[in-house]
Amino acid sequence: MEKLTRLGATDLQVSRHGFGAARIGDGAPLDQLEGLLNSLLDLGITFIDTADCYAESEELIGRFLGDRLGGFSVATKCGCITGGAQGEPYSRAIIEESIERSLKRMGLECLDLVFLHTCSAEVLRAGEATDALLRARDAGKVRYVGYSGDDEDALQAISMGVFDALQVTFNIVNQGALDQVLPAAERAGMGVVAKRPIANARLLPPDSPQYHDGPHWDSVRELLIDEGAWDDPLECALRFTLSHPVINSAIIGTTDPRHARENARRAGAGALSPQLLDALHSLRSTE
């Protein structure tokens, strides 16, 4: 069983390896998706990340997990125009409609966690989107509120002091959150969810200057070999992300039950050594 960790200051206990449900409504066979979703708890995966704009993702989660959703912490996102809605993105009306739709799709009375979906710092400062999400929380439709985004937008969200959790891009190729965003989130006591933790499974294409078997990696090759993280680039990437204690969960998407099992194995391989992490951090100068 995968180790659970508390998401920031919330009472949500989430698996370090989370399931990203963005792709499950993209046309994979329904029996395959049912098997995949049914296998999550057996793999120790108790955290599911979805969004109102991820095709049929929320509907399939509600359809195939139903009463068992109580065994998961489920995060969704709101603010985008989707589902035939009309109006302004991140407006109060759109966010209220989105939350009601998510509740209905998944058959829930209250959503565990809702992220504002990659809105800009300007939208955050305007206040309407944040206020709408907080109103939903106060009305008992949402337990915890979060922000999903990167860089200056993420820093703006953190500085507001109203969000319980942050979802941010962080991986071995894109370490941009390491210097400012992750420390700021930690100081604020926020839960942190890493998106794209295995760099979209592209570590790394042969034509990349950061190719996994190319000269970019010469300085860390021996360390990776010593720690058994060289032969499986995806394991290397996932262990890198999960080695950072500020990261509560790293969400990985798939429609293939076999891939979910392999990722669960990778997540259980343990943290990389401080020596190797320092060496990998040094690669940022060549990104």
C-alpha atoms as a PDB file:
ATOM      1  CA  MET A   1       0.000   0.000   0.000  1.00  0.00           C
ATOM      2  CA  GLU A   2       1.313   3.409  -0.943  1.00  0.00           C
ATOM      3  CA  LYS A   3       2.177   5.822   1.827  1.00  0.00           C
ATOM      4  CA  LEU A   4      -0.355   8.577   2.431  1.00  0.00           C
ATOM      5  CA  THR A   5       0.534  12.119   3.358  1.00  0.00           C
ATOM      6  CA  ARG A   6      -1.455  15.071   4.628  1.00  0.00           C
ATOM      7  CA  LEU A   7      -2.150  17.696   1.983  1.00  0.00           C
ATOM      8  CA  GLY A   8      -0.818  20.876   3.558  1.00  0.00           C
ATOM      9  CA  ALA A   9      -2.933  22.033   6.494  1.00  0.00           C
ATOM     10  CA  THR A  10      -6.065  20.217   5.262  1.00  0.00           C
ATOM     11  CA  ASP A  11      -7.288  16.927   6.677  1.00  0.00           C
ATOM     12  CA  LEU A  12      -7.066  15.261   3.263  1.00  0.00           C
ATOM     13  CA  GLN A  13      -4.768  12.226   3.290  1.00  0.00           C
ATOM     14  CA  VAL A  14      -3.472  11.746  -0.249  1.00  0.00           C
ATOM     15  CA  SER A  15      -1.276   9.157  -1.908  1.00  0.00           C
ATOM     16  CA  ARG A  16       2.133  10.392  -2.972  1.00  0.00           C
ATOM     17  CA  HIS A  17       1.366   9.010  -6.434  1.00  0.00           C
ATOM     18  CA  GLY A  18      -1.882  10.583  -7.605  1.00  0.00           C
ATOM     19  CA  PHE A  19      -3.991   9.657 -10.613  1.00  0.00           C
ATOM     20  CA  GLY A  20      -4.443  12.300 -13.288  1.00  0.00           C
ATOM     21  CA  ALA A  21      -7.784  11.740 -14.989  1.00  0.00           C
ATOM     22  CA  ALA A  22      -7.404  14.197 -17.882  1.00  0.00           C
ATOM     23  CA  ARG A  23      -7.275  11.512 -20.571  1.00  0.00           C
ATOM     24  CA  ILE A  24      -9.866   8.981 -19.472  1.00  0.00           C
ATOM     25  CA  GLY A  25     -12.620  10.599 -21.517  1.00  0.00           C
ATOM     26  CA  ASP A  26     -10.610  10.683 -24.735  1.00  0.00           C
ATOM     27  CA  GLY A  27     -11.980   7.539 -26.346  1.00  0.00           C
ATOM     28  CA  ALA A  28     -10.306   4.597 -24.607  1.00  0.00           C
ATOM     29  CA  PRO A  29     -12.576   1.519 -24.328  1.00  0.00           C
ATOM     30  CA  LEU A  30     -14.985   1.804 -21.424  1.00  0.00           C
ATOM     31  CA  ASP A  31     -14.189  -1.649 -20.069  1.00  0.00           C
ATOM     32  CA  GLN A  32     -10.514  -0.696 -19.974  1.00  0.00           C
ATOM     33  CA  LEU A  33     -11.281   2.514 -18.110  1.00  0.00           C
ATOM     34  CA  GLU A  34     -13.535   0.694 -15.656  1.00  0.00           C
ATOM     35  CA  GLY A  35     -10.736  -1.756 -14.928  1.00  0.00           C
ATOM     36  CA  LEU A  36      -8.259   1.079 -14.541  1.00  0.00           C
ATOM     37  CA  LEU A  37     -10.379   3.056 -12.086  1.00  0.00           C
ATOM     38  CA  ASN A  38     -11.280  -0.079 -10.153  1.00  0.00           C
ATOM     39  CA  SER A  39      -7.588  -0.886  -9.730  1.00  0.00           C
ATOM     40  CA  LEU A  40      -6.582   2.428  -8.148  1.00  0.00           C
ATOM     41  CA  LEU A  41      -7.292   1.541  -4.528  1.00  0.00           C
ATOM     42  CA  ASP A  42      -5.580  -1.825  -4.950  1.00  0.00           C
ATOM     43  CA  LEU A  43      -2.501   0.113  -6.091  1.00  0.00           C
ATOM     44  CA  GLY A  44      -2.740   2.421  -3.075  1.00  0.00           C
ATOM     45  CA  ILE A  45      -3.727   5.432  -5.193  1.00  0.00           C
ATOM     46  CA  THR A  46      -6.264   7.456  -3.228  1.00  0.00           C
ATOM     47  CA  PHE A  47      -5.891  10.865  -4.868  1.00  0.00           C
ATOM     48  CA  ILE A  48      -7.649  11.622  -8.170  1.00  0.00           C
ATOM     49  CA  ASP A  49      -7.225  14.863 -10.090  1.00  0.00           C
ATOM     50  CA  THR A  50      -9.747  15.843 -12.750  1.00  0.00           C
ATOM     51  CA  ALA A  51     -11.427  18.986 -14.153  1.00  0.00           C
ATOM     52  CA  ASP A  52     -14.760  20.060 -15.531  1.00  0.00           C
ATOM     53  CA  CYS A  53     -13.142  20.553 -18.953  1.00  0.00           C
ATOM     54  CA  TYR A  54     -11.523  17.088 -19.193  1.00  0.00           C
ATOM     55  CA  ALA A  55     -13.933  15.588 -21.731  1.00  0.00           C
ATOM     56  CA  GLU A  56     -16.054  12.952 -19.919  1.00  0.00           C
ATOM     57  CA  SER A  57     -13.611  12.484 -17.055  1.00  0.00           C
ATOM     58  CA  GLU A  58     -15.915  13.526 -14.221  1.00  0.00           C
ATOM     59  CA  GLU A  59     -18.817  11.480 -15.586  1.00  0.00           C
ATOM     60  CA  LEU A  60     -16.687   8.351 -15.871  1.00  0.00           C
ATOM     61  CA  ILE A  61     -15.345   8.787 -12.358  1.00  0.00           C
ATOM     62  CA  GLY A  62     -18.880   9.062 -11.028  1.00  0.00           C
ATOM     63  CA  ARG A  63     -20.096   6.165 -13.186  1.00  0.00           C
ATOM     64  CA  PHE A  64     -17.390   3.645 -12.363  1.00  0.00           C
ATOM     65  CA  LEU A  65     -16.461   4.574  -8.796  1.00  0.00           C
ATOM     66  CA  GLY A  66     -19.812   5.762  -7.473  1.00  0.00           C
ATOM     67  CA  ASP A  67     -20.206   4.946  -3.781  1.00  0.00           C
ATOM     68  CA  ARG A  68     -16.497   4.070  -3.552  1.00  0.00           C
ATOM     69  CA  LEU A  69     -15.503   7.712  -4.056  1.00  0.00           C
ATOM     70  CA  GLY A  70     -15.498   7.990  -0.278  1.00  0.00           C
ATOM     71  CA  GLY A  71     -12.227   6.071  -0.344  1.00  0.00           C
ATOM     72  CA  PHE A  72     -10.565   8.783  -2.429  1.00  0.00           C
ATOM     73  CA  SER A  73      -9.689  12.426  -2.171  1.00  0.00           C
ATOM     74  CA  VAL A  74     -10.920  13.926  -5.435  1.00  0.00           C
ATOM     75  CA  ALA A  75      -9.781  17.275  -6.801  1.00  0.00           C
ATOM     76  CA  THR A  76     -11.389  19.016  -9.738  1.00  0.00           C
ATOM     77  CA  LYS A  77     -10.920  22.393 -11.400  1.00  0.00           C
ATOM     78  CA  CYS A  78     -13.159  25.247 -12.468  1.00  0.00           C
ATOM     79  CA  GLY A  79     -13.206  28.577 -14.262  1.00  0.00           C
ATOM     80  CA  CYS A  80     -12.856  27.633 -17.916  1.00  0.00           C
ATOM     81  CA  ILE A  81     -15.691  27.777 -20.434  1.00  0.00           C
ATOM     82  CA  THR A  82     -16.803  24.198 -21.024  1.00  0.00           C
ATOM     83  CA  GLY A  83     -19.857  21.999 -21.417  1.00  0.00           C
ATOM     84  CA  GLY A  84     -21.645  24.467 -23.675  1.00  0.00           C
ATOM     85  CA  ALA A  85     -21.568  27.198 -21.041  1.00  0.00           C
ATOM     86  CA  GLN A  86     -21.897  30.819 -22.068  1.00  0.00           C
ATOM     87  CA  GLY A  87     -20.209  33.703 -20.310  1.00  0.00           C
ATOM     88  CA  GLU A  88     -16.877  35.065 -19.178  1.00  0.00           C
ATOM     89  CA  PRO A  89     -14.158  32.680 -18.011  1.00  0.00           C
ATOM     90  CA  TYR A  90     -13.546  32.855 -14.245  1.00  0.00           C
ATOM     91  CA  SER A  91     -16.711  34.844 -13.634  1.00  0.00           C
ATOM     92  CA  ARG A  92     -18.871  34.052 -10.622  1.00  0.00           C
ATOM     93  CA  ALA A  93     -21.596  32.590 -12.821  1.00  0.00           C
ATOM     94  CA  ILE A  94     -19.218  30.269 -14.681  1.00  0.00           C
ATOM     95  CA  ILE A  95     -17.576  29.038 -11.479  1.00  0.00           C
ATOM     96  CA  GLU A  96     -20.895  28.440  -9.739  1.00  0.00           C
ATOM     97  CA  GLU A  97     -22.200  26.548 -12.781  1.00  0.00           C
ATOM     98  CA  SER A  98     -19.007  24.518 -12.996  1.00  0.00           C
ATOM     99  CA  ILE A  99     -19.159  23.431  -9.359  1.00  0.00           C
ATOM    100  CA  GLU A 100     -22.802  22.408  -9.644  1.00  0.00           C
ATOM    101  CA  ARG A 101     -21.988  20.421 -12.794  1.00  0.00           C
ATOM    102  CA  SER A 102     -19.039  18.671 -11.140  1.00  0.00           C
ATOM    103  CA  LEU A 103     -21.151  17.689  -8.146  1.00  0.00           C
ATOM    104  CA  LYS A 104     -23.827  16.236 -10.418  1.00  0.00           C
ATOM    105  CA  ARG A 105     -21.397  14.415 -12.696  1.00  0.00           C
ATOM    106  CA  MET A 106     -19.653  12.640  -9.826  1.00  0.00           C
ATOM    107  CA  GLY A 107     -22.744  12.154  -7.685  1.00  0.00           C
ATOM    108  CA  LEU A 108     -21.317  14.072  -4.743  1.00  0.00           C
ATOM    109  CA  GLU A 109     -22.803  16.489  -2.233  1.00  0.00           C
ATOM    110  CA  CYS A 110     -19.491  18.196  -1.544  1.00  0.00           C
ATOM    111  CA  LEU A 111     -16.225  18.369  -3.497  1.00  0.00           C
ATOM    112  CA  ASP A 112     -13.030  17.630  -1.565  1.00  0.00           C
ATOM    113  CA  LEU A 113     -10.865  20.155  -3.386  1.00  0.00           C
ATOM    114  CA  VAL A 114     -11.467  22.593  -6.251  1.00  0.00           C
ATOM    115  CA  PHE A 115      -8.658  24.432  -8.029  1.00  0.00           C
ATOM    116  CA  LEU A 116      -9.037  27.611 -10.024  1.00  0.00           C
ATOM    117  CA  HIS A 117      -7.793  26.407 -13.389  1.00  0.00           C
ATOM    118  CA  THR A 118      -4.700  28.340 -14.564  1.00  0.00           C
ATOM    119  CA  CYS A 119      -6.164  31.817 -14.453  1.00  0.00           C
ATOM    120  CA  SER A 120      -3.740  34.732 -14.599  1.00  0.00           C
ATOM    121  CA  ALA A 121      -2.426  36.836 -11.748  1.00  0.00           C
ATOM    122  CA  GLU A 122      -4.567  39.665 -13.111  1.00  0.00           C
ATOM    123  CA  VAL A 123      -7.715  37.544 -12.752  1.00  0.00           C
ATOM    124  CA  LEU A 124      -6.688  36.587  -9.232  1.00  0.00           C
ATOM    125  CA  ARG A 125      -6.157  40.212  -8.245  1.00  0.00           C
ATOM    126  CA  ALA A 126      -9.565  41.178  -9.665  1.00  0.00           C
ATOM    127  CA  GLY A 127     -11.062  38.967  -6.978  1.00  0.00           C
ATOM    128  CA  GLU A 128     -14.276  37.683  -8.546  1.00  0.00           C
ATOM    129  CA  ALA A 129     -12.993  34.170  -9.271  1.00  0.00           C
ATOM    130  CA  THR A 130     -11.493  33.704  -5.830  1.00  0.00           C
ATOM    131  CA  ASP A 131     -14.592  35.106  -4.148  1.00  0.00           C
ATOM    132  CA  ALA A 132     -16.856  32.744  -6.078  1.00  0.00           C
ATOM    133  CA  LEU A 133     -14.794  29.738  -5.028  1.00  0.00           C
ATOM    134  CA  LEU A 134     -14.725  30.831  -1.405  1.00  0.00           C
ATOM    135  CA  ARG A 135     -18.496  31.358  -1.464  1.00  0.00           C
ATOM    136  CA  ALA A 136     -18.909  27.770  -2.686  1.00  0.00           C
ATOM    137  CA  ARG A 137     -16.747  26.610   0.212  1.00  0.00           C
ATOM    138  CA  ASP A 138     -18.775  28.637   2.715  1.00  0.00           C
ATOM    139  CA  ALA A 139     -21.968  27.155   1.251  1.00  0.00           C
ATOM    140  CA  GLY A 140     -20.701  23.635   1.948  1.00  0.00           C
ATOM    141  CA  LYS A 141     -20.253  22.625  -1.684  1.00  0.00           C
ATOM    142  CA  VAL A 142     -16.446  22.605  -1.532  1.00  0.00           C
ATOM    143  CA  ARG A 143     -14.240  21.577   1.387  1.00  0.00           C
ATOM    144  CA  TYR A 144     -10.924  23.085   0.303  1.00  0.00           C
ATOM    145  CA  VAL A 145      -9.883  25.549  -2.385  1.00  0.00           C
ATOM    146  CA  GLY A 146      -6.756  25.677  -4.494  1.00  0.00           C
ATOM    147  CA  TYR A 147      -5.007  27.261  -7.426  1.00  0.00           C
ATOM    148  CA  SER A 148      -3.471  25.489 -10.408  1.00  0.00           C
ATOM    149  CA  GLY A 149      -0.808  27.411 -12.308  1.00  0.00           C
ATOM    150  CA  ASP A 150       2.845  28.337 -12.561  1.00  0.00           C
ATOM    151  CA  ASP A 151       5.432  31.072 -12.127  1.00  0.00           C
ATOM    152  CA  GLU A 152       4.203  34.601 -11.310  1.00  0.00           C
ATOM    153  CA  ASP A 153       0.568  33.484 -11.364  1.00  0.00           C
ATOM    154  CA  ALA A 154       1.320  30.848  -8.733  1.00  0.00           C
ATOM    155  CA  LEU A 155       3.205  33.378  -6.602  1.00  0.00           C
ATOM    156  CA  GLN A 156       0.215  35.727  -6.751  1.00  0.00           C
ATOM    157  CA  ALA A 157      -2.103  32.942  -5.605  1.00  0.00           C
ATOM    158  CA  ILE A 158       0.202  32.022  -2.741  1.00  0.00           C
ATOM    159  CA  SER A 159       0.510  35.644  -1.610  1.00  0.00           C
ATOM    160  CA  MET A 160      -3.263  35.984  -1.226  1.00  0.00           C
ATOM    161  CA  GLY A 161      -3.327  33.612   1.732  1.00  0.00           C
ATOM    162  CA  VAL A 162      -6.732  32.108   0.902  1.00  0.00           C
ATOM    163  CA  PHE A 163      -5.851  28.904  -0.935  1.00  0.00           C
ATOM    164  CA  ASP A 164      -5.328  25.575   0.793  1.00  0.00           C
ATOM    165  CA  ALA A 165      -3.424  23.922  -2.042  1.00  0.00           C
ATOM    166  CA  LEU A 166      -1.329  24.642  -5.111  1.00  0.00           C
ATOM    167  CA  GLN A 167      -0.979  22.543  -8.242  1.00  0.00           C
ATOM    168  CA  VAL A 168       2.197  23.433 -10.111  1.00  0.00           C
ATOM    169  CA  THR A 169       4.418  22.087 -12.870  1.00  0.00           C
ATOM    170  CA  PHE A 170       7.536  20.506 -11.425  1.00  0.00           C
ATOM    171  CA  ASN A 171       9.745  17.820 -12.902  1.00  0.00           C
ATOM    172  CA  ILE A 172      13.330  16.922 -13.655  1.00  0.00           C
ATOM    173  CA  VAL A 173      13.250  18.870 -16.934  1.00  0.00           C
ATOM    174  CA  ASN A 174      11.230  21.857 -15.720  1.00  0.00           C
ATOM    175  CA  GLN A 175      12.520  22.790 -12.273  1.00  0.00           C
ATOM    176  CA  GLY A 176      11.292  26.377 -12.516  1.00  0.00           C
ATOM    177  CA  ALA A 177       9.203  26.146  -9.332  1.00  0.00           C
ATOM    178  CA  LEU A 178      12.156  25.121  -7.201  1.00  0.00           C
ATOM    179  CA  ASP A 179      13.615  28.517  -6.306  1.00  0.00           C
ATOM    180  CA  GLN A 180      10.554  30.640  -5.500  1.00  0.00           C
ATOM    181  CA  VAL A 181       7.198  28.912  -5.896  1.00  0.00           C
ATOM    182  CA  LEU A 182       7.788  25.776  -3.830  1.00  0.00           C
ATOM    183  CA  PRO A 183       9.449  27.621  -0.921  1.00  0.00           C
ATOM    184  CA  ALA A 184       6.652  30.224  -0.908  1.00  0.00           C
ATOM    185  CA  ALA A 185       3.965  27.521  -0.857  1.00  0.00           C
ATOM    186  CA  GLU A 186       5.757  25.742   1.972  1.00  0.00           C
ATOM    187  CA  ARG A 187       5.998  28.949   4.028  1.00  0.00           C
ATOM    188  CA  ALA A 188       2.280  29.515   3.459  1.00  0.00           C
ATOM    189  CA  GLY A 189       1.465  26.023   4.740  1.00  0.00           C
ATOM    190  CA  MET A 190      -0.180  25.042   1.457  1.00  0.00           C
ATOM    191  CA  GLY A 191      -0.523  21.538   0.150  1.00  0.00           C
ATOM    192  CA  VAL A 192       1.414  21.074  -3.083  1.00  0.00           C
ATOM    193  CA  VAL A 193       0.492  18.813  -5.984  1.00  0.00           C
ATOM    194  CA  ALA A 194       2.993  18.378  -8.803  1.00  0.00           C
ATOM    195  CA  LYS A 195       1.594  18.211 -12.306  1.00  0.00           C
ATOM    196  CA  ARG A 196       3.604  16.790 -15.211  1.00  0.00           C
ATOM    197  CA  PRO A 197       5.917  15.032 -12.712  1.00  0.00           C
ATOM    198  CA  ILE A 198       7.406  12.758 -15.363  1.00  0.00           C
ATOM    199  CA  ALA A 199       7.677  15.558 -17.950  1.00  0.00           C
ATOM    200  CA  ASN A 200       4.884  14.067 -20.053  1.00  0.00           C
ATOM    201  CA  ALA A 201       6.944  10.846 -20.346  1.00  0.00           C
ATOM    202  CA  ARG A 202       9.487  12.602 -22.560  1.00  0.00           C
ATOM    203  CA  LEU A 203      12.740  12.139 -20.700  1.00  0.00           C
ATOM    204  CA  LEU A 204      13.991  12.857 -23.188  1.00  0.00           C
ATOM    205  CA  PRO A 205      13.607  12.741 -27.004  1.00  0.00           C
ATOM    206  CA  PRO A 206      16.827  11.931 -28.886  1.00  0.00           C
ATOM    207  CA  ASP A 207      16.850  15.330 -30.605  1.00  0.00           C
ATOM    208  CA  SER A 208      16.762  17.193 -27.276  1.00  0.00           C
ATOM    209  CA  PRO A 209      19.930  18.791 -25.903  1.00  0.00           C
ATOM    210  CA  GLN A 210      18.875  17.207 -22.607  1.00  0.00           C
ATOM    211  CA  TYR A 211      18.579  13.699 -24.076  1.00  0.00           C
ATOM    212  CA  HIS A 212      18.759  11.178 -21.252  1.00  0.00           C
ATOM    213  CA  ASP A 213      21.748   9.395 -22.795  1.00  0.00           C
ATOM    214  CA  GLY A 214      23.398  12.552 -24.136  1.00  0.00           C
ATOM    215  CA  PRO A 215      26.184  14.784 -22.864  1.00  0.00           C
ATOM    216  CA  HIS A 216      23.773  16.877 -20.799  1.00  0.00           C
ATOM    217  CA  TRP A 217      23.598  13.958 -18.353  1.00  0.00           C
ATOM    218  CA  ASP A 218      27.298  13.086 -18.217  1.00  0.00           C
ATOM    219  CA  SER A 219      27.769  14.834 -14.868  1.00  0.00           C
ATOM    220  CA  VAL A 220      25.055  12.764 -13.154  1.00  0.00           C
ATOM    221  CA  ARG A 221      25.253   9.491 -15.090  1.00  0.00           C
ATOM    222  CA  GLU A 222      27.307   7.577 -12.524  1.00  0.00           C
ATOM    223  CA  LEU A 223      25.131   8.716  -9.643  1.00  0.00           C
ATOM    224  CA  LEU A 224      21.978   7.652 -11.503  1.00  0.00           C
ATOM    225  CA  ILE A 225      23.497   4.262 -12.253  1.00  0.00           C
ATOM    226  CA  ASP A 226      24.543   3.786  -8.629  1.00  0.00           C
ATOM    227  CA  GLU A 227      21.002   4.470  -7.423  1.00  0.00           C
ATOM    228  CA  GLY A 228      19.366   2.264 -10.039  1.00  0.00           C
ATOM    229  CA  ALA A 229      17.617   5.193 -11.713  1.00  0.00           C
ATOM    230  CA  TRP A 230      19.378   5.214 -15.071  1.00  0.00           C
ATOM    231  CA  ASP A 231      17.739   2.358 -16.971  1.00  0.00           C
ATOM    232  CA  ASP A 232      14.158   3.592 -16.443  1.00  0.00           C
ATOM    233  CA  PRO A 233      13.900   7.307 -17.303  1.00  0.00           C
ATOM    234  CA  LEU A 234      10.320   7.508 -16.023  1.00  0.00           C
ATOM    235  CA  GLU A 235      11.346   6.101 -12.662  1.00  0.00           C
ATOM    236  CA  CYS A 236      14.194   8.588 -12.543  1.00  0.00           C
ATOM    237  CA  ALA A 237      11.797  11.464 -13.255  1.00  0.00           C
ATOM    238  CA  LEU A 238       9.125  10.379 -10.779  1.00  0.00           C
ATOM    239  CA  ARG A 239      11.590   9.710  -7.984  1.00  0.00           C
ATOM    240  CA  PHE A 240      13.099  13.135  -8.584  1.00  0.00           C
ATOM    241  CA  THR A 241       9.737  14.869  -8.139  1.00  0.00           C
ATOM    242  CA  LEU A 242       8.705  12.826  -5.112  1.00  0.00           C
ATOM    243  CA  SER A 243      12.087  13.339  -3.444  1.00  0.00           C
ATOM    244  CA  HIS A 244      11.122  16.937  -2.637  1.00  0.00           C
ATOM    245  CA  PRO A 245       9.288  16.922   0.704  1.00  0.00           C
ATOM    246  CA  VAL A 246       7.187  19.983  -0.141  1.00  0.00           C
ATOM    247  CA  ILE A 247       5.488  17.899  -2.859  1.00  0.00           C
ATOM    248  CA  ASN A 248       2.574  16.054  -1.274  1.00  0.00           C
ATOM    249  CA  SER A 249       1.436  14.233  -4.384  1.00  0.00           C
ATOM    250  CA  ALA A 250       2.503  13.878  -8.009  1.00  0.00           C
ATOM    251  CA  ILE A 251      -0.301  13.233 -10.487  1.00  0.00           C
ATOM    252  CA  ILE A 252       0.304  10.980 -13.488  1.00  0.00           C
ATOM    253  CA  GLY A 253      -2.282  10.421 -16.200  1.00  0.00           C
ATOM    254  CA  THR A 254      -2.899   7.227 -18.144  1.00  0.00           C
ATOM    255  CA  THR A 255      -5.713   5.190 -19.658  1.00  0.00           C
ATOM    256  CA  ASP A 256      -3.747   1.926 -19.438  1.00  0.00           C
ATOM    257  CA  PRO A 257      -3.978  -0.181 -16.247  1.00  0.00           C
ATOM    258  CA  ARG A 258      -0.522  -1.597 -16.968  1.00  0.00           C
ATOM    259  CA  HIS A 259       0.978   1.870 -16.979  1.00  0.00           C
ATOM    260  CA  ALA A 260      -0.751   2.659 -13.681  1.00  0.00           C
ATOM    261  CA  ARG A 261       0.808  -0.442 -12.121  1.00  0.00           C
ATOM    262  CA  GLU A 262       4.243   0.470 -13.463  1.00  0.00           C
ATOM    263  CA  ASN A 263       3.962   4.027 -12.153  1.00  0.00           C
ATOM    264  CA  ALA A 264       2.897   2.751  -8.726  1.00  0.00           C
ATOM    265  CA  ARG A 265       6.019   0.570  -8.680  1.00  0.00           C
ATOM    266  CA  ARG A 266       8.174   3.537  -9.671  1.00  0.00           C
ATOM    267  CA  ALA A 267       6.646   5.718  -6.970  1.00  0.00           C
ATOM    268  CA  GLY A 268       7.521   3.081  -4.399  1.00  0.00           C
ATOM    269  CA  ALA A 269      11.207   3.063  -5.336  1.00  0.00           C
ATOM    270  CA  GLY A 270      12.022   5.735  -2.771  1.00  0.00           C
ATOM    271  CA  ALA A 271      13.689   9.102  -2.729  1.00  0.00           C
ATOM    272  CA  LEU A 272      16.894   9.907  -4.552  1.00  0.00           C
ATOM    273  CA  SER A 273      19.923  10.699  -2.428  1.00  0.00           C
ATOM    274  CA  PRO A 274      20.672  14.330  -1.497  1.00  0.00           C
ATOM    275  CA  GLN A 275      23.898  14.033  -3.481  1.00  0.00           C
ATOM    276  CA  LEU A 276      22.052  13.026  -6.640  1.00  0.00           C
ATOM    277  CA  LEU A 277      19.359  15.664  -6.137  1.00  0.00           C
ATOM    278  CA  ASP A 278      21.996  18.362  -5.855  1.00  0.00           C
ATOM    279  CA  ALA A 279      23.587  17.128  -9.070  1.00  0.00           C
ATOM    280  CA  LEU A 280      20.242  17.115 -10.880  1.00  0.00           C
ATOM    281  CA  HIS A 281      19.444  20.604  -9.608  1.00  0.00           C
ATOM    282  CA  SER A 282      22.698  21.805 -11.114  1.00  0.00           C
ATOM    283  CA  LEU A 283      21.343  20.903 -14.561  1.00  0.00           C
ATOM    284  CA  ARG A 284      18.959  23.889 -14.326  1.00  0.00           C
ATOM    285  CA  SER A 285      21.691  26.154 -15.624  1.00  0.00           C
ATOM    286  CA  THR A 286      21.595  24.326 -18.952  1.00  0.00           C
ATOM    287  CA  GLU A 287      17.792  24.187 -19.345  1.00  0.00           C
END
